[in-house]
C-alpha atoms as a PDB file:
ATOM      1  CA  UNK A   1     104.076  88.358 105.003  1.00  0.00           C
ATOM      2  CA  UNK A   2     104.246  92.164 103.623  1.00  0.00           C
ATOM      3  CA  UNK A   3     105.259  92.177 100.086  1.00  0.00           C
ATOM      4  CA  UNK A   4     106.327  95.220  97.809  1.00  0.00           C
ATOM      5  CA  UNK A   5     106.720  95.906  93.960  1.00  0.00           C
ATOM      6  CA  UNK A   6     109.375  98.516  93.239  1.00  0.00           C
ATOM      7  CA  UNK A   7     109.472 100.390  89.715  1.00  0.00           C
ATOM      8  CA  UNK A   8     111.398 102.599  88.258  1.00  0.00           C
ATOM      9  CA  UNK A   9     111.017 104.863  85.660  1.00  0.00           C
ATOM     10  CA  UNK A  10     113.096 107.813  83.734  1.00  0.00           C
ATOM     11  CA  UNK A  11     109.779 109.672  82.628  1.00  0.00           C
ATOM     12  CA  UNK A  12     106.649 110.508  83.126  1.00  0.00           C
ATOM     13  CA  UNK A  13     104.256 107.673  81.815  1.00  0.00           C
ATOM     14  CA  UNK A  14     106.618 105.159  81.110  1.00  0.00           C
ATOM     15  CA  UNK A  15     105.764 103.108  84.078  1.00  0.00           C
ATOM     16  CA  UNK A  16     102.161 103.183  83.734  1.00  0.00           C
ATOM     17  CA  UNK A  17     102.720 102.149  79.350  1.00  0.00           C
ATOM     18  CA  UNK A  18     105.340  99.902  80.144  1.00  0.00           C
ATOM     19  CA  UNK A  19     104.326  98.341  83.255  1.00  0.00           C
ATOM     20  CA  UNK A  20     100.744  99.490  84.568  1.00  0.00           C
ATOM     21  CA  UNK A  21      98.885  96.153  83.726  1.00  0.00           C
ATOM     22  CA  UNK A  22     101.311  94.175  85.704  1.00  0.00           C
ATOM     23  CA  UNK A  23     101.394  96.766  88.614  1.00  0.00           C
ATOM     24  CA  UNK A  24      97.585  96.566  89.136  1.00  0.00           C
ATOM     25  CA  UNK A  25      97.570  93.294  88.911  1.00  0.00           C
ATOM     26  CA  UNK A  26     100.241  92.860  91.895  1.00  0.00           C
ATOM     27  CA  UNK A  27      98.715  95.251  93.726  1.00  0.00           C
ATOM     28  CA  UNK A  28      95.222  93.642  93.230  1.00  0.00           C
ATOM     29  CA  UNK A  29      96.988  90.494  94.694  1.00  0.00           C
ATOM     30  CA  UNK A  30      98.151  92.516  97.830  1.00  0.00           C
ATOM     31  CA  UNK A  31     101.913  94.111  96.954  1.00  0.00           C
ATOM     32  CA  UNK A  32     102.469  97.258  97.865  1.00  0.00           C
ATOM     33  CA  UNK A  33     103.782  99.435  94.632  1.00  0.00           C
ATOM     34  CA  UNK A  34     106.705 101.351  95.503  1.00  0.00           C
ATOM     35  CA  UNK A  35     106.895 103.957  92.151  1.00  0.00           C
ATOM     36  CA  UNK A  36     109.833 105.589  91.921  1.00  0.00           C
ATOM     37  CA  UNK A  37     110.274 108.421  89.060  1.00  0.00           C
ATOM     38  CA  UNK A  38     114.091 109.476  88.289  1.00  0.00           C
ATOM     39  CA  UNK A  39     114.292 112.349  86.236  1.00  0.00           C
ATOM     40  CA  UNK A  40     112.516 115.846  86.706  1.00  0.00           C
ATOM     41  CA  UNK A  41     110.412 115.818  83.170  1.00  0.00           C
ATOM     42  CA  UNK A  42     112.249 119.180  82.047  1.00  0.00           C
ATOM     43  CA  UNK A  43     110.996 118.012  78.617  1.00  0.00           C
ATOM     44  CA  UNK A  44     109.009 117.438  75.767  1.00  0.00           C
ATOM     45  CA  UNK A  45     105.397 119.020  74.140  1.00  0.00           C
ATOM     46  CA  UNK A  46     101.878 118.749  74.765  1.00  0.00           C
ATOM     47  CA  UNK A  47      99.988 117.056  71.638  1.00  0.00           C
ATOM     48  CA  UNK A  48      96.365 117.738  71.437  1.00  0.00           C
ATOM     49  CA  UNK A  49      94.222 115.931  68.253  1.00  0.00           C
ATOM     50  CA  UNK A  50      92.357 118.621  66.303  1.00  0.00           C
ATOM     51  CA  UNK A  51      88.973 118.420  64.670  1.00  0.00           C
ATOM     52  CA  UNK A  52      90.684 117.655  61.370  1.00  0.00           C
ATOM     53  CA  UNK A  53      92.255 114.637  62.182  1.00  0.00           C
ATOM     54  CA  UNK A  54      95.535 116.817  62.351  1.00  0.00           C
ATOM     55  CA  UNK A  55      98.017 116.841  65.990  1.00  0.00           C
ATOM     56  CA  UNK A  56      98.760 120.352  67.370  1.00  0.00           C
ATOM     57  CA  UNK A  57     102.138 119.932  69.766  1.00  0.00           C
ATOM     58  CA  UNK A  58     103.026 122.888  72.187  1.00  0.00           C
ATOM     59  CA  UNK A  59     106.259 123.453  73.586  1.00  0.00           C
ATOM     60  CA  UNK A  60     106.451 124.562  77.310  1.00  0.00           C
ATOM     61  CA  UNK A  61     109.234 126.426  79.057  1.00  0.00           C
ATOM     62  CA  UNK A  62     110.841 123.831  81.725  1.00  0.00           C
ATOM     63  CA  UNK A  63     109.107 125.085  84.880  1.00  0.00           C
ATOM     64  CA  UNK A  64     106.162 124.644  83.592  1.00  0.00           C
ATOM     65  CA  UNK A  65     106.290 121.300  82.230  1.00  0.00           C
ATOM     66  CA  UNK A  66     108.123 120.173  85.181  1.00  0.00           C
ATOM     67  CA  UNK A  67     105.097 120.592  86.791  1.00  0.00           C
ATOM     68  CA  UNK A  68     102.711 119.185  84.217  1.00  0.00           C
ATOM     69  CA  UNK A  69     104.564 116.104  84.512  1.00  0.00           C
ATOM     70  CA  UNK A  70     104.480 115.830  88.084  1.00  0.00           C
ATOM     71  CA  UNK A  71     100.961 116.248  88.245  1.00  0.00           C
ATOM     72  CA  UNK A  72     100.796 113.710  85.441  1.00  0.00           C
ATOM     73  CA  UNK A  73     103.007 111.374  87.261  1.00  0.00           C
ATOM     74  CA  UNK A  74     101.420 111.984  90.701  1.00  0.00           C
ATOM     75  CA  UNK A  75      97.905 111.173  89.159  1.00  0.00           C
ATOM     76  CA  UNK A  76      99.198 107.706  87.615  1.00  0.00           C
ATOM     77  CA  UNK A  77     101.090 106.152  90.797  1.00  0.00           C
ATOM     78  CA  UNK A  78      97.367 107.069  92.515  1.00  0.00           C
ATOM     79  CA  UNK A  79      95.859 104.862  90.022  1.00  0.00           C
ATOM     80  CA  UNK A  80      97.993 102.397  91.167  1.00  0.00           C
ATOM     81  CA  UNK A  81      96.719 103.079  94.930  1.00  0.00           C
ATOM     82  CA  UNK A  82     100.255 104.316  95.868  1.00  0.00           C
ATOM     83  CA  UNK A  83     102.532 108.105  95.913  1.00  0.00           C
ATOM     84  CA  UNK A  84     105.563 108.698  93.923  1.00  0.00           C
ATOM     85  CA  UNK A  85     108.966 109.182  94.776  1.00  0.00           C
ATOM     86  CA  UNK A  86     110.564 111.971  92.839  1.00  0.00           C
ATOM     87  CA  UNK A  87     114.324 111.195  92.403  1.00  0.00           C
ATOM     88  CA  UNK A  88     114.279 114.878  89.947  1.00  0.00           C
ATOM     89  CA  UNK A  89     117.646 113.985  88.339  1.00  0.00           C
ATOM     90  CA  UNK A  90     117.305 116.328  84.938  1.00  0.00           C
ATOM     91  CA  UNK A  91     117.198 114.928  82.282  1.00  0.00           C
ATOM     92  CA  UNK A  92     118.944 115.781  79.177  1.00  0.00           C
ATOM     93  CA  UNK A  93     117.776 118.482  77.365  1.00  0.00           C
ATOM     94  CA  UNK A  94     115.152 120.768  77.526  1.00  0.00           C
ATOM     95  CA  UNK A  95     113.105 123.207  75.419  1.00  0.00           C
ATOM     96  CA  UNK A  96     115.123 126.891  75.490  1.00  0.00           C
ATOM     97  CA  UNK A  97     112.065 129.208  75.417  1.00  0.00           C
ATOM     98  CA  UNK A  98     114.189 132.588  74.705  1.00  0.00           C
ATOM     99  CA  UNK A  99     116.157 130.670  71.779  1.00  0.00           C
ATOM    100  CA  UNK A 100     113.195 128.459  70.719  1.00  0.00           C
ATOM    101  CA  UNK A 101     115.299 125.276  70.678  1.00  0.00           C
ATOM    102  CA  UNK A 102     116.272 122.389  72.017  1.00  0.00           C
ATOM    103  CA  UNK A 103     119.145 122.692  74.469  1.00  0.00           C
ATOM    104  CA  UNK A 104     121.155 119.411  75.358  1.00  0.00           C
ATOM    105  CA  UNK A 105     123.127 119.271  78.587  1.00  0.00           C
ATOM    106  CA  UNK A 106     126.125 117.945  79.595  1.00  0.00           C
ATOM    107  CA  UNK A 107     127.999 117.483  82.801  1.00  0.00           C
ATOM    108  CA  UNK A 108     129.020 121.064  83.384  1.00  0.00           C
ATOM    109  CA  UNK A 109     126.545 122.733  81.615  1.00  0.00           C
ATOM    110  CA  UNK A 110     124.487 125.165  83.102  1.00  0.00           C
ATOM    111  CA  UNK A 111     120.741 124.105  84.319  1.00  0.00           C
ATOM    112  CA  UNK A 112     117.674 126.085  83.072  1.00  0.00           C
ATOM    113  CA  UNK A 113     116.061 128.437  85.452  1.00  0.00           C
ATOM    114  CA  UNK A 114     114.313 126.621  87.838  1.00  0.00           C
ATOM    115  CA  UNK A 115     115.665 123.422  87.933  1.00  0.00           C
ATOM    116  CA  UNK A 116     117.345 122.632  91.301  1.00  0.00           C
ATOM    117  CA  UNK A 117     121.081 122.199  91.204  1.00  0.00           C
ATOM    118  CA  UNK A 118     121.334 119.498  94.067  1.00  0.00           C
ATOM    119  CA  UNK A 119     120.491 116.389  92.205  1.00  0.00           C
ATOM    120  CA  UNK A 120     123.373 114.352  89.797  1.00  0.00           C
ATOM    121  CA  UNK A 121     123.459 115.462  86.577  1.00  0.00           C
ATOM    122  CA  UNK A 122     123.129 111.539  85.155  1.00  0.00           C
ATOM    123  CA  UNK A 123     120.043 110.170  84.671  1.00  0.00           C
ATOM    124  CA  UNK A 124     118.376 106.858  82.445  1.00  0.00           C
ATOM    125  CA  UNK A 125     117.717 107.180  78.964  1.00  0.00           C
ATOM    126  CA  UNK A 126     114.848 104.971  79.325  1.00  0.00           C
ATOM    127  CA  UNK A 127     114.138 102.594  82.142  1.00  0.00           C
ATOM    128  CA  UNK A 128     110.731 100.716  83.383  1.00  0.00           C
ATOM    129  CA  UNK A 129     110.979  97.121  85.185  1.00  0.00           C
ATOM    130  CA  UNK A 130     108.948  95.462  87.950  1.00  0.00           C
ATOM    131  CA  UNK A 131     110.501  93.415  90.567  1.00  0.00           C
ATOM    132  CA  UNK A 132     110.148  92.718  93.459  1.00  0.00           C
ATOM    133  CA  UNK A 133     112.056  94.744  96.430  1.00  0.00           C
ATOM    134  CA  UNK A 134     113.895  91.521  97.874  1.00  0.00           C
ATOM    135  CA  UNK A 135     114.807  89.813  94.710  1.00  0.00           C
ATOM    136  CA  UNK A 136     117.178  90.953  91.991  1.00  0.00           C
ATOM    137  CA  UNK A 137     115.706  88.948  89.372  1.00  0.00           C
ATOM    138  CA  UNK A 138     112.667  90.134  87.382  1.00  0.00           C
ATOM    139  CA  UNK A 139     109.264  89.943  88.078  1.00  0.00           C
ATOM    140  CA  UNK A 140     108.267  88.346  84.448  1.00  0.00           C
ATOM    141  CA  UNK A 141     108.573  85.244  83.077  1.00  0.00           C
ATOM    142  CA  UNK A 142     107.167  83.387  80.189  1.00  0.00           C
ATOM    143  CA  UNK A 143     105.476  80.652  79.030  1.00  0.00           C
ATOM    144  CA  UNK A 144     106.521  78.598  75.839  1.00  0.00           C
ATOM    145  CA  UNK A 145     104.003  80.937  73.902  1.00  0.00           C
ATOM    146  CA  UNK A 146     106.125  84.038  75.174  1.00  0.00           C
ATOM    147  CA  UNK A 147     103.381  85.806  77.166  1.00  0.00           C
ATOM    148  CA  UNK A 148     103.914  87.358  80.239  1.00  0.00           C
ATOM    149  CA  UNK A 149     103.492  85.116  83.464  1.00  0.00           C
ATOM    150  CA  UNK A 150     103.413  85.933  87.139  1.00  0.00           C
ATOM    151  CA  UNK A 151     106.606  84.320  88.999  1.00  0.00           C
ATOM    152  CA  UNK A 152     105.740  81.398  90.840  1.00  0.00           C
ATOM    153  CA  UNK A 153     109.054  80.039  92.292  1.00  0.00           C
ATOM    154  CA  UNK A 154     112.815  81.528  93.624  1.00  0.00           C
ATOM    155  CA  UNK A 155     114.510  84.353  91.817  1.00  0.00           C
ATOM    156  CA  UNK A 156     116.931  82.019  89.974  1.00  0.00           C
ATOM    157  CA  UNK A 157     114.680  80.536  88.275  1.00  0.00           C
ATOM    158  CA  UNK A 158     112.765  83.411  87.272  1.00  0.00           C
ATOM    159  CA  UNK A 159     115.943  84.662  85.495  1.00  0.00           C
ATOM    160  CA  UNK A 160     116.617  81.560  83.935  1.00  0.00           C
ATOM    161  CA  UNK A 161     112.567  81.712  82.858  1.00  0.00           C
ATOM    162  CA  UNK A 162     112.864  85.509  81.616  1.00  0.00           C
ATOM    163  CA  UNK A 163     116.197  84.992  79.335  1.00  0.00           C
ATOM    164  CA  UNK A 164     114.987  81.570  78.003  1.00  0.00           C
ATOM    165  CA  UNK A 165     111.640  84.385  76.658  1.00  0.00           C
ATOM    166  CA  UNK A 166     114.438  87.109  75.264  1.00  0.00           C
ATOM    167  CA  UNK A 167     115.943  85.374  73.364  1.00  0.00           C
END
């Protein structure tokens, strides 16, 4: 039986941080990992730990940041044994290099230079979930000590288990 696990992340590194260990476990169990990145990752900064223990964060323009985050996403997906699907929805904010400030995007706003205009202006704020492609219930369940456990039965039972451990 060909088994797949789908993970959708809003931003670069969401998937690796929030579900990376689980995805590796399922990949090692024979699942195919389907990795979807929702946004174009056009905002953010690059932080660097300096020798004196302080952190310096620098900003990049939208085109440079999109390219950097796409490379990071590709590297993360490769570590999970897959290739990402990039949806490239614009993020709701970006760093304006000329004005030197964060700019929030709303419907009808002009997009910054270099950002594709052929995608919808709606993107999730933050989302990372792992679920079998053929099932709408979460792939996670919990035991009585609230530790994540792999599913061992049908989708409805998984959803009940998840609901009981998240109350």
